[in-house]
Amino acid sequence: MSTFMIEPGARLAGRYRLDELVSETSGATLWKATDETLARLVAVWTFAEGFPRTGEVVRAARAASRVADARVTQVFDADDSGPTAYVVEEWVVGQSLTELLAQGPLEPERAAGLIAEAAEAVAAANATGIYHLSLSPSNLMWSAGGAVKVTGIGVDAALRGITAQQPGLADAQGLGRLMYAALTARWPGGEQSGLRPAPVISGRPCEPSQIRAGIPGRLNDVSCRAAFQTHGRGGPLSSAQAIADALADVPRLVPMPTTPAAGPAPAPREQAAAREVGEPAPPRPAARPAGSRRAALRPSPSSSRITKALVGVVALLVFVAVVLGAWTLGSVMSSGGNEAGTTPQDEEEQQASTDGDVELTVLEPAGAAGFNPETGDDEHSDKAPNAIDGDPSTRWNTTGYMRADFGGLKSGVGLILDMGDPVEVHEATIDFGGGPYDFEILMGDQPEQSALTPAAEQSGASGEVTVKLAEPTTARYVVVWFTNELPPDGGGAYRGTINEVELRGNT
């Protein structure tokens, strides 16, 4: 029998410090804890002496740790070999569907996008033989970083001793009920997670479209075919994969998970560690081949056009200067050496002004990434190359936030450009594609917030804007940093977008 005292401040395995009791259910206790080795928040389950399912929970957690989908809450550690058994999971900061529905049902398109993400995550788990079996609105999270998270896969069922003869069907019905709830803010089959029960007619819950006007028939059909296994327009949806396929083409008005960069895939727990809220990670600029920085990217069509135009303008200026110089020389010679009304001081100022006209070239970044140093979550780094590809029809965007002030979670987010080597930047042209935005241009030699300093700023910017730096600045990293608030994206969220960034200066 263990004599270990499970109370706040206790440590498990010499590294997990139990900070705060979150909930306790039938002998299983959930803690908010700190992994002191990796300095990050984690969720820890502990079990009272005599808890009958400790072994099942630990085995289920180990199995769930093999699910690599980023939308499934990751299991970091699980052990029942010592005096105190425990399970360590990812600590997710954000809003559950229960909290989102406290203000009313979601817009139909947003509800569909949210459930499409959840269905894909559950389908990935089901494909490995792992099932949830008890999906509820509290299990579907929109994380602080803007990603969808499904919590409790495998573990919740083991904790409660829930089993099902057809586990895949149980998860499909659970997803259908979640979609029903997202569309109506009601739960079919009774009260659940604080949601009121759905109204019943002839012994059966009403369809979503009978409760709320404006729900597209297709979404109403998918919800009923999954939750109630009705035939609808194509037969019952009896698996998570079938639901994911039925919603595959809906707009993803919730942020999409990022695609891992090329290279060896990390183990699931390493992926989870990189996503952990509160562990800022440096941005991951796209890799470039060895050699000169110019080999990193070929000049884009728009860059080439701009360069040719600049060459033409410079040639014209040189011609005009030659003509003016000849005229001035003739005037001076005819007037005895000094043009009337011109003093030596005037000549010095004119010379200084001429010397200040520096020919600028288009600077080509070696790579780009989302920049979110305050929470460490990725800001769509997979889309960042769209902002430097020379094509304004493609774009990078931040994740979507429920509030304009970055969800009240941080002071700003941005896009970081890695120039490969230090370059001297004079000005930048940024195509936002919309607005308005308040932003700064930050520069530094390290991709860390503390190493970046403001070089320019502008308020109320929309569309394409050109910003001249207060003075030429030399650095390797350049950040377009959104400040204050983001504009609405038209889908119920707030996000920033950049279609294209072009820097000009000297290498």
Protein backbone atom coordinates (compact mmCIF):
# COMPACT_ATOMS: atom_id res chain seq x y z
CA MET A 1 0.00 0.00 0.00
CA SER A 2 1.31 3.47 -0.93
CA THR A 3 1.99 5.98 1.80
CA PHE A 4 2.50 8.75 -0.77
CA MET A 5 0.35 11.79 0.04
CA ILE A 6 -1.46 13.03 -3.08
CA GLU A 7 -2.03 16.70 -2.37
CA PRO A 8 -1.08 20.05 -3.93
CA GLY A 9 2.68 20.45 -4.11
CA ALA A 10 3.37 16.72 -4.32
CA ARG A 11 5.69 15.46 -7.06
CA LEU A 12 5.30 12.36 -9.18
CA ALA A 13 8.25 10.64 -10.86
CA GLY A 14 10.44 13.44 -9.53
CA ARG A 15 9.21 15.91 -12.16
CA TYR A 16 5.40 16.39 -12.19
CA ARG A 17 4.40 18.91 -9.50
CA LEU A 18 0.69 18.82 -8.65
CA ASP A 19 -0.44 22.45 -8.50
CA GLU A 20 -4.24 22.56 -8.40
CA LEU A 21 -7.06 20.03 -8.09
CA VAL A 22 -9.37 20.40 -11.08
CA SER A 23 -11.94 17.63 -10.58
CA GLU A 24 -12.51 14.36 -8.79
CA THR A 25 -14.75 11.55 -10.00
CA SER A 26 -15.21 8.17 -8.32
CA GLY A 27 -11.64 7.87 -7.15
CA ALA A 28 -9.91 9.44 -10.16
CA THR A 29 -8.54 12.95 -9.66
CA LEU A 30 -7.52 15.43 -12.35
CA TRP A 31 -4.77 17.93 -11.50
CA LYS A 32 -3.36 20.98 -13.16
CA ALA A 33 0.36 20.32 -12.82
CA THR A 34 3.80 21.44 -13.94
CA ASP A 35 6.35 19.28 -15.72
CA GLU A 36 9.41 20.75 -14.03
CA THR A 37 11.80 19.03 -16.44
CA LEU A 38 10.31 20.72 -19.51
CA ALA A 39 8.84 23.75 -17.68
CA ARG A 40 5.33 23.37 -19.07
CA LEU A 41 1.78 22.89 -17.81
CA VAL A 42 0.34 19.38 -17.98
CA ALA A 43 -2.81 17.58 -16.86
CA VAL A 44 -2.25 14.68 -14.46
CA TRP A 45 -4.68 11.94 -13.45
CA THR A 46 -4.08 10.18 -10.14
CA PHE A 47 -6.10 7.38 -8.60
CA ALA A 48 -7.31 6.66 -5.10
CA GLU A 49 -6.31 3.41 -3.44
CA GLY A 50 -8.71 0.73 -4.57
CA PHE A 51 -9.82 2.52 -7.75
CA PRO A 52 -10.91 -0.51 -9.81
CA ARG A 53 -9.84 0.63 -13.27
CA THR A 54 -6.35 2.07 -12.77
CA GLY A 55 -4.71 -0.54 -14.97
CA GLU A 56 -7.28 -0.06 -17.75
CA VAL A 57 -6.82 3.74 -17.70
CA VAL A 58 -3.03 3.46 -17.91
CA ARG A 59 -3.23 0.96 -20.79
CA ALA A 60 -5.79 3.12 -22.61
CA ALA A 61 -3.57 6.18 -22.17
CA ARG A 62 -0.55 4.35 -23.58
CA ALA A 63 -2.61 3.27 -26.57
CA ALA A 64 -3.93 6.82 -27.10
CA SER A 65 -0.37 8.17 -27.09
CA ARG A 66 0.14 6.43 -30.44
CA VAL A 67 -2.53 8.57 -32.15
CA ALA A 68 -0.46 11.12 -34.05
CA ASP A 69 -3.26 13.51 -35.09
CA ALA A 70 -2.54 16.96 -33.65
CA ARG A 71 -6.22 17.47 -32.85
CA VAL A 72 -6.24 14.62 -30.34
CA THR A 73 -5.12 15.55 -26.83
CA GLN A 74 -1.69 14.01 -26.46
CA VAL A 75 -0.64 11.62 -23.69
CA PHE A 76 2.90 12.31 -22.49
CA ASP A 77 3.36 9.67 -19.80
CA ALA A 78 1.47 6.84 -18.12
CA ASP A 79 2.80 4.53 -15.40
CA ASP A 80 1.33 2.11 -12.89
CA SER A 81 4.52 0.27 -11.96
CA GLY A 82 5.35 2.42 -8.94
CA PRO A 83 3.55 3.10 -5.67
CA THR A 84 1.43 5.83 -7.29
CA ALA A 85 -0.11 5.32 -10.73
CA TYR A 86 -0.59 8.36 -12.94
CA VAL A 87 -1.38 9.55 -16.46
CA VAL A 88 0.09 12.77 -17.83
CA GLU A 89 -1.69 14.54 -20.69
CA GLU A 90 -1.45 17.75 -22.66
CA TRP A 91 -2.94 20.72 -20.79
CA VAL A 92 -5.27 22.45 -23.26
CA VAL A 93 -6.03 26.13 -22.76
CA GLY A 94 -9.03 27.44 -24.64
CA GLN A 95 -12.82 27.24 -24.81
CA SER A 96 -14.90 24.10 -24.87
CA LEU A 97 -17.96 23.78 -27.07
CA THR A 98 -19.97 24.09 -23.85
CA GLU A 99 -18.48 27.53 -23.26
CA LEU A 100 -18.88 28.57 -26.88
CA LEU A 101 -22.57 27.64 -26.78
CA ALA A 102 -23.18 29.64 -23.62
CA GLN A 103 -23.74 32.62 -25.93
CA GLY A 104 -26.03 30.68 -28.26
CA PRO A 105 -25.67 28.30 -31.20
CA LEU A 106 -22.81 28.68 -33.65
CA GLU A 107 -23.24 29.91 -37.18
CA PRO A 108 -24.08 26.84 -39.29
CA GLU A 109 -20.91 27.07 -41.39
CA ARG A 110 -18.73 27.39 -38.31
CA ALA A 111 -20.50 24.49 -36.63
CA ALA A 112 -19.91 22.33 -39.71
CA GLY A 113 -16.22 23.25 -39.86
CA LEU A 114 -15.76 22.50 -36.17
CA ILE A 115 -17.39 19.06 -36.42
CA ALA A 116 -15.50 18.27 -39.63
CA GLU A 117 -12.24 18.80 -37.74
CA ALA A 118 -13.44 16.70 -34.80
CA ALA A 119 -14.62 13.91 -37.10
CA GLU A 120 -11.24 13.73 -38.81
CA ALA A 121 -9.49 13.54 -35.42
CA VAL A 122 -11.80 10.82 -34.11
CA ALA A 123 -11.47 8.91 -37.39
CA ALA A 124 -7.68 8.97 -37.03
CA ALA A 125 -7.99 7.49 -33.54
CA ASN A 126 -10.57 4.91 -34.63
CA ALA A 127 -8.20 3.77 -37.39
CA THR A 128 -5.73 2.70 -34.68
CA GLY A 129 -8.41 0.91 -32.64
CA ILE A 130 -8.90 3.76 -30.13
CA TYR A 131 -12.42 5.06 -29.44
CA HIS A 132 -13.94 7.80 -27.31
CA LEU A 133 -17.38 6.34 -26.49
CA SER A 134 -18.50 9.34 -24.40
CA LEU A 135 -18.23 12.45 -26.57
CA SER A 136 -19.79 15.54 -25.01
CA PRO A 137 -19.51 19.31 -25.62
CA SER A 138 -16.87 19.52 -22.89
CA ASN A 139 -14.62 17.18 -24.92
CA LEU A 140 -14.48 19.47 -27.96
CA MET A 141 -12.09 22.38 -27.45
CA TRP A 142 -11.02 25.40 -29.43
CA SER A 143 -7.53 25.97 -28.05
CA ALA A 144 -5.99 29.33 -27.26
CA GLY A 145 -3.79 28.87 -30.30
CA GLY A 146 -6.83 28.49 -32.53
CA ALA A 147 -6.69 24.72 -33.06
CA VAL A 148 -9.45 22.17 -32.56
CA LYS A 149 -8.77 19.62 -29.83
CA VAL A 150 -10.72 16.48 -28.95
CA THR A 151 -10.02 15.52 -25.34
CA GLY A 152 -10.47 12.22 -23.55
CA ILE A 153 -10.08 9.79 -26.45
CA GLY A 154 -9.50 6.35 -24.93
CA VAL A 155 -8.98 7.64 -21.40
CA ASP A 156 -12.48 8.91 -20.57
CA ALA A 157 -14.13 5.59 -21.41
CA ALA A 158 -11.59 3.68 -19.32
CA LEU A 159 -12.08 6.06 -16.38
CA ARG A 160 -15.84 5.50 -16.44
CA GLY A 161 -15.84 1.85 -17.41
CA ILE A 162 -17.78 2.58 -20.61
CA THR A 163 -17.83 -0.08 -23.33
CA ALA A 164 -19.79 -0.53 -26.56
CA GLN A 165 -20.48 -3.49 -28.83
CA GLN A 166 -20.10 -1.16 -31.83
CA PRO A 167 -17.58 1.47 -30.69
CA GLY A 168 -17.26 3.06 -34.14
CA LEU A 169 -21.02 3.59 -34.28
CA ALA A 170 -20.99 5.07 -30.76
CA ASP A 171 -18.40 7.65 -31.80
CA ALA A 172 -20.35 8.48 -34.97
CA GLN A 173 -23.51 9.11 -32.94
CA GLY A 174 -21.49 11.19 -30.49
CA LEU A 175 -20.20 13.37 -33.33
CA GLY A 176 -23.75 13.73 -34.67
CA ARG A 177 -24.95 14.90 -31.26
CA LEU A 178 -22.08 17.40 -31.09
CA MET A 179 -23.11 18.80 -34.46
CA TYR A 180 -26.74 18.96 -33.28
CA ALA A 181 -25.58 20.90 -30.21
CA ALA A 182 -23.36 23.25 -32.23
CA LEU A 183 -26.30 24.08 -34.54
CA THR A 184 -28.96 24.50 -31.84
CA ALA A 185 -27.29 24.91 -28.41
CA ARG A 186 -29.51 21.97 -27.33
CA TRP A 187 -28.59 18.35 -26.57
CA PRO A 188 -30.64 15.52 -28.08
CA GLY A 189 -31.68 13.01 -25.45
CA GLY A 190 -31.63 15.02 -22.24
CA GLU A 191 -29.54 17.64 -20.49
CA GLN A 192 -25.79 17.51 -21.10
CA SER A 193 -22.89 19.77 -20.10
CA GLY A 194 -25.27 22.53 -19.08
CA LEU A 195 -27.16 22.48 -22.40
CA ARG A 196 -30.92 22.28 -22.29
CA PRO A 197 -32.48 19.11 -23.72
CA ALA A 198 -33.79 19.23 -27.27
CA PRO A 199 -37.57 19.47 -27.64
CA VAL A 200 -39.26 16.16 -28.38
CA ILE A 201 -42.11 15.45 -30.78
CA SER A 202 -43.75 12.00 -30.91
CA GLY A 203 -41.06 10.61 -28.64
CA ARG A 204 -38.16 11.77 -30.82
CA PRO A 205 -35.94 14.87 -30.62
CA CYS A 206 -36.79 17.54 -33.17
CA GLU A 207 -34.45 17.97 -36.10
CA PRO A 208 -32.08 20.96 -35.84
CA SER A 209 -33.93 22.85 -38.59
CA GLN A 210 -37.16 22.54 -36.57
CA ILE A 211 -35.52 24.32 -33.66
CA ARG A 212 -33.62 27.02 -35.47
CA ALA A 213 -34.35 28.72 -38.78
CA GLY A 214 -31.63 29.16 -41.38
CA ILE A 215 -29.84 25.83 -40.95
CA PRO A 216 -28.93 24.52 -44.44
CA GLY A 217 -30.75 21.31 -45.32
CA ARG A 218 -27.50 19.50 -45.97
CA LEU A 219 -26.15 20.20 -42.47
CA ASN A 220 -29.45 19.28 -40.88
CA ASP A 221 -29.32 16.01 -42.84
CA VAL A 222 -25.76 15.15 -41.78
CA SER A 223 -26.56 15.79 -38.13
CA CYS A 224 -29.63 13.53 -38.18
CA ARG A 225 -27.96 10.77 -40.22
CA ALA A 226 -25.19 10.64 -37.62
CA ALA A 227 -26.98 11.35 -34.32
CA PHE A 228 -30.18 9.37 -35.02
CA GLN A 229 -28.88 7.05 -37.79
CA THR A 230 -31.67 8.15 -40.12
CA HIS A 231 -31.43 7.38 -43.83
CA GLY A 232 -31.72 10.97 -45.04
CA ARG A 233 -30.16 11.62 -48.43
CA GLY A 234 -27.58 8.85 -48.34
CA GLY A 235 -28.18 6.45 -45.48
CA PRO A 236 -26.94 6.53 -41.88
CA LEU A 237 -23.46 7.87 -41.14
CA SER A 238 -22.18 5.07 -38.93
CA SER A 239 -18.48 5.95 -38.58
CA ALA A 240 -16.38 9.01 -37.86
CA GLN A 241 -14.74 8.64 -41.26
CA ALA A 242 -18.14 8.68 -42.99
CA ILE A 243 -18.98 11.94 -41.21
CA ALA A 244 -15.58 13.41 -42.11
CA ASP A 245 -16.18 12.47 -45.76
CA ALA A 246 -19.67 14.01 -45.72
CA LEU A 247 -18.24 17.29 -44.42
CA ALA A 248 -14.96 17.21 -46.34
CA ASP A 249 -15.82 20.20 -48.52
CA VAL A 250 -17.31 22.52 -45.89
CA PRO A 251 -15.40 25.80 -45.34
CA ARG A 252 -13.04 25.45 -42.41
CA LEU A 253 -14.00 28.56 -40.51
CA VAL A 254 -12.08 27.16 -37.57
CA PRO A 255 -8.26 27.25 -37.82
CA MET A 256 -6.68 24.32 -39.60
CA PRO A 257 -3.78 22.38 -38.05
CA THR A 258 -0.43 23.03 -39.65
CA THR A 259 1.42 20.61 -41.82
CA PRO A 260 4.73 19.50 -40.28
CA ALA A 261 7.83 20.73 -42.08
CA ALA A 262 9.69 18.27 -44.32
CA GLY A 263 12.00 15.89 -42.54
CA PRO A 264 11.74 12.97 -40.11
CA ALA A 265 8.42 13.03 -38.29
CA PRO A 266 8.76 13.46 -34.50
CA ALA A 267 7.23 10.95 -32.15
CA PRO A 268 3.69 11.78 -30.98
CA ARG A 269 4.88 12.95 -27.56
CA GLU A 270 7.51 15.20 -29.14
CA GLN A 271 4.80 16.71 -31.33
CA ALA A 272 2.68 17.34 -28.25
CA ALA A 273 5.60 18.96 -26.44
CA ALA A 274 6.08 21.38 -29.33
CA ARG A 275 2.41 22.37 -29.15
CA GLU A 276 2.22 22.84 -25.42
CA VAL A 277 0.81 26.21 -24.42
CA GLY A 278 3.25 28.22 -22.34
CA GLU A 279 6.37 26.79 -23.99
CA PRO A 280 7.27 29.37 -26.64
CA ALA A 281 9.09 27.91 -29.59
CA PRO A 282 11.16 29.91 -32.08
CA PRO A 283 9.63 30.33 -35.52
CA ARG A 284 10.58 27.75 -38.12
CA PRO A 285 11.62 29.56 -41.29
CA ALA A 286 11.60 27.39 -44.37
CA ALA A 287 14.86 25.54 -44.94
CA ARG A 288 17.12 26.72 -47.75
CA PRO A 289 19.89 24.91 -49.63
CA ALA A 290 23.53 25.43 -48.78
CA GLY A 291 25.29 28.20 -50.66
CA SER A 292 24.56 31.84 -51.19
CA ARG A 293 21.37 33.41 -49.92
CA ARG A 294 20.38 34.19 -53.51
CA ALA A 295 20.10 30.46 -54.16
CA ALA A 296 17.32 30.17 -51.58
CA LEU A 297 14.51 31.45 -53.81
CA ARG A 298 14.28 32.29 -57.48
CA PRO A 299 13.14 35.84 -58.20
CA SER A 300 9.38 36.01 -58.39
CA PRO A 301 7.71 37.46 -61.52
CA SER A 302 6.53 40.54 -59.65
CA SER A 303 10.00 41.12 -58.20
CA SER A 304 11.55 40.92 -61.67
CA ARG A 305 9.05 43.42 -63.05
CA ILE A 306 9.71 45.82 -60.21
CA THR A 307 13.48 45.49 -60.66
CA LYS A 308 13.21 46.26 -64.40
CA ALA A 309 11.03 49.26 -63.68
CA LEU A 310 13.54 50.56 -61.13
CA VAL A 311 16.37 50.16 -63.66
CA GLY A 312 14.40 52.17 -66.20
CA VAL A 313 13.68 54.93 -63.68
CA VAL A 314 17.34 55.07 -62.63
CA ALA A 315 18.46 55.33 -66.27
CA LEU A 316 16.07 58.22 -66.85
CA LEU A 317 17.32 59.98 -63.72
CA VAL A 318 20.92 59.59 -64.88
CA PHE A 319 20.06 61.12 -68.26
CA VAL A 320 18.31 64.08 -66.63
CA ALA A 321 21.24 64.55 -64.27
CA VAL A 322 23.70 64.68 -67.16
CA VAL A 323 21.62 67.28 -68.98
CA LEU A 324 21.22 69.40 -65.86
CA GLY A 325 24.92 69.07 -65.09
CA ALA A 326 25.90 70.27 -68.54
CA TRP A 327 23.49 73.18 -68.32
CA THR A 328 24.76 74.11 -64.84
CA LEU A 329 28.39 73.93 -65.94
CA GLY A 330 27.64 76.20 -68.89
CA SER A 331 25.83 78.67 -66.68
CA VAL A 332 28.69 78.76 -64.18
CA MET A 333 31.30 79.31 -66.86
CA SER A 334 29.27 82.08 -68.47
CA SER A 335 28.66 83.83 -65.14
CA GLY A 336 32.25 83.83 -63.98
CA GLY A 337 32.30 80.73 -61.84
CA ASN A 338 29.20 81.03 -59.63
CA GLU A 339 25.53 80.84 -60.56
CA ALA A 340 23.64 83.91 -59.46
CA GLY A 341 21.95 83.43 -56.11
CA THR A 342 23.85 80.20 -55.30
CA THR A 343 26.19 80.13 -52.31
CA PRO A 344 28.85 77.54 -51.44
CA GLN A 345 26.54 76.36 -48.61
CA ASP A 346 23.73 75.76 -51.11
CA GLU A 347 26.08 73.72 -53.24
CA GLU A 348 27.11 71.57 -50.24
CA GLU A 349 23.45 70.88 -49.33
CA GLN A 350 22.63 70.00 -52.93
CA GLN A 351 25.61 67.62 -53.06
CA ALA A 352 24.56 66.00 -49.78
CA SER A 353 21.04 65.50 -51.15
CA THR A 354 22.39 63.91 -54.31
CA ASP A 355 24.59 61.58 -52.29
CA GLY A 356 21.52 60.42 -50.31
CA ASP A 357 19.80 58.95 -53.40
CA VAL A 358 20.68 55.27 -52.98
CA GLU A 359 19.59 52.68 -55.51
CA LEU A 360 17.42 50.07 -53.72
CA THR A 361 17.13 46.44 -54.74
CA VAL A 362 14.42 43.92 -53.96
CA LEU A 363 15.56 41.70 -51.07
CA GLU A 364 14.61 38.03 -51.31
CA PRO A 365 13.78 36.23 -48.04
CA ALA A 366 15.16 32.76 -47.50
CA GLY A 367 11.97 31.73 -45.73
CA ALA A 368 8.99 32.79 -43.67
CA ALA A 369 6.98 31.52 -40.69
CA GLY A 370 4.17 32.51 -38.36
CA PHE A 371 5.47 34.36 -35.29
CA ASN A 372 3.70 33.88 -31.95
CA PRO A 373 6.32 34.15 -29.18
CA GLU A 374 3.92 34.83 -26.31
CA THR A 375 2.04 31.51 -26.33
CA GLY A 376 4.24 29.45 -28.66
CA ASP A 377 1.36 28.10 -30.76
CA ASP A 378 1.95 27.98 -34.50
CA GLU A 379 0.37 30.73 -36.60
CA HIS A 380 -0.06 28.83 -39.86
CA SER A 381 3.63 28.59 -40.75
CA ASP A 382 2.62 26.20 -43.53
CA LYS A 383 0.97 29.15 -45.30
CA ALA A 384 3.79 31.64 -44.65
CA PRO A 385 5.58 31.02 -48.00
CA ASN A 386 2.47 32.39 -49.72
CA ALA A 387 3.43 35.86 -48.47
CA ILE A 388 6.81 35.84 -50.28
CA ASP A 389 5.98 33.90 -53.48
CA GLY A 390 5.39 36.95 -55.66
CA ASP A 391 1.75 35.99 -56.17
CA PRO A 392 -0.74 38.34 -54.44
CA SER A 393 -3.56 35.86 -55.05
CA THR A 394 -2.09 33.59 -52.35
CA ARG A 395 -1.85 34.61 -48.73
CA TRP A 396 -0.79 33.84 -45.19
CA ASN A 397 -3.20 34.35 -42.32
CA THR A 398 -3.17 34.15 -38.56
CA THR A 399 -5.40 31.75 -36.71
CA GLY A 400 -8.93 32.94 -36.02
CA TYR A 401 -9.71 34.50 -32.63
CA MET A 402 -13.04 34.88 -30.90
CA ARG A 403 -12.19 38.48 -30.00
CA ALA A 404 -10.45 41.21 -31.96
CA ASP A 405 -7.78 41.64 -29.26
CA PHE A 406 -6.22 38.26 -30.14
CA GLY A 407 -8.81 36.55 -27.97
CA GLY A 408 -7.45 38.44 -24.96
CA LEU A 409 -4.54 35.97 -24.96
CA LYS A 410 -1.58 38.03 -26.20
CA SER A 411 -0.44 41.49 -27.26
CA GLY A 412 0.16 40.62 -30.90
CA VAL A 413 1.12 38.08 -33.55
CA GLY A 414 2.97 38.36 -36.82
CA LEU A 415 4.85 37.00 -39.81
CA ILE A 416 8.63 36.62 -39.56
CA LEU A 417 10.91 36.68 -42.60
CA ASP A 418 14.35 35.07 -42.48
CA MET A 419 16.62 36.90 -44.91
CA GLY A 420 19.33 34.25 -44.59
CA ASP A 421 22.02 36.86 -43.87
CA PRO A 422 21.92 40.40 -42.46
CA VAL A 423 20.59 42.89 -45.02
CA GLU A 424 20.06 46.64 -44.96
CA VAL A 425 16.32 47.37 -45.24
CA HIS A 426 15.07 50.80 -46.30
CA GLU A 427 11.38 50.20 -47.01
CA ALA A 428 8.67 47.55 -47.29
CA THR A 429 5.55 47.13 -49.39
CA ILE A 430 2.87 44.98 -47.73
CA ASP A 431 -0.33 43.81 -49.39
CA PHE A 432 -2.80 43.03 -46.59
CA GLY A 433 -5.70 42.34 -48.91
CA GLY A 434 -8.02 44.05 -46.42
CA GLY A 435 -7.92 45.81 -43.10
CA PRO A 436 -7.70 48.03 -41.25
CA TYR A 437 -4.55 47.00 -39.35
CA ASP A 438 -2.24 48.59 -36.85
CA PHE A 439 1.20 47.08 -37.29
CA GLU A 440 4.90 47.47 -36.65
CA ILE A 441 7.97 46.30 -38.53
CA LEU A 442 10.39 44.68 -36.08
CA MET A 443 13.97 43.77 -36.93
CA GLY A 444 16.79 41.86 -35.25
CA ASP A 445 19.52 39.27 -35.66
CA GLN A 446 17.74 36.57 -33.60
CA PRO A 447 14.20 35.18 -34.07
CA GLU A 448 13.25 36.05 -30.51
CA GLN A 449 10.95 38.78 -29.30
CA SER A 450 13.56 40.20 -26.92
CA ALA A 451 16.04 40.57 -29.78
CA LEU A 452 13.68 42.47 -32.11
CA THR A 453 13.32 46.26 -32.14
CA PRO A 454 10.72 48.46 -33.90
CA ALA A 455 11.91 49.98 -37.18
CA ALA A 456 8.58 51.42 -38.43
CA GLU A 457 4.88 51.48 -37.59
CA GLN A 458 1.57 52.44 -39.15
CA SER A 459 -2.06 52.61 -38.05
CA GLY A 460 -5.25 51.99 -40.01
CA ALA A 461 -3.48 50.34 -42.93
CA SER A 462 -5.60 48.64 -45.60
CA GLY A 463 -4.84 46.99 -48.90
CA GLU A 464 -1.32 47.58 -50.21
CA VAL A 465 0.87 50.01 -48.28
CA THR A 466 4.51 51.08 -48.53
CA VAL A 467 6.36 51.88 -45.32
CA LYS A 468 9.70 53.66 -45.22
CA LEU A 469 11.85 52.89 -42.21
CA ALA A 470 12.83 55.85 -40.05
CA GLU A 471 16.41 55.01 -40.97
CA PRO A 472 18.00 52.10 -42.85
CA THR A 473 18.31 49.11 -40.52
CA THR A 474 20.53 46.06 -40.93
CA ALA A 475 19.28 42.72 -39.58
CA ARG A 476 18.62 39.13 -40.59
CA TYR A 477 15.04 38.81 -39.32
CA VAL A 478 12.13 41.10 -40.24
CA VAL A 479 8.70 40.77 -38.60
CA VAL A 480 5.38 42.26 -39.69
CA TRP A 481 3.77 42.48 -36.24
CA PHE A 482 0.02 43.03 -35.80
CA THR A 483 -0.81 45.16 -32.76
CA ASN A 484 -4.00 46.22 -30.96
CA GLU A 485 -6.84 44.48 -32.82
CA LEU A 486 -7.53 42.27 -35.83
CA PRO A 487 -10.41 42.88 -38.25
CA PRO A 488 -13.32 40.43 -38.63
CA ASP A 489 -12.86 37.73 -41.26
CA GLY A 490 -16.52 37.56 -42.25
CA GLY A 491 -16.96 34.12 -40.69
CA GLY A 492 -17.42 35.11 -37.06
CA ALA A 493 -13.74 35.22 -36.11
CA TYR A 494 -10.98 37.83 -36.19
CA ARG A 495 -7.71 37.25 -38.04
CA GLY A 496 -4.89 38.99 -39.86
CA THR A 497 -3.88 38.32 -43.46
CA ILE A 498 -0.88 39.19 -45.62
CA ASN A 499 -0.99 38.52 -49.34
CA GLU A 500 2.54 39.64 -50.11
CA VAL A 501 5.56 41.31 -48.50
CA GLU A 502 8.38 42.92 -50.48
CA LEU A 503 11.45 44.43 -48.81
CA ARG A 504 13.81 46.82 -50.54
CA GLY A 505 17.29 47.91 -49.53
CA ASN A 506 20.85 46.69 -49.86
CA THR A 507 22.43 43.30 -49.30
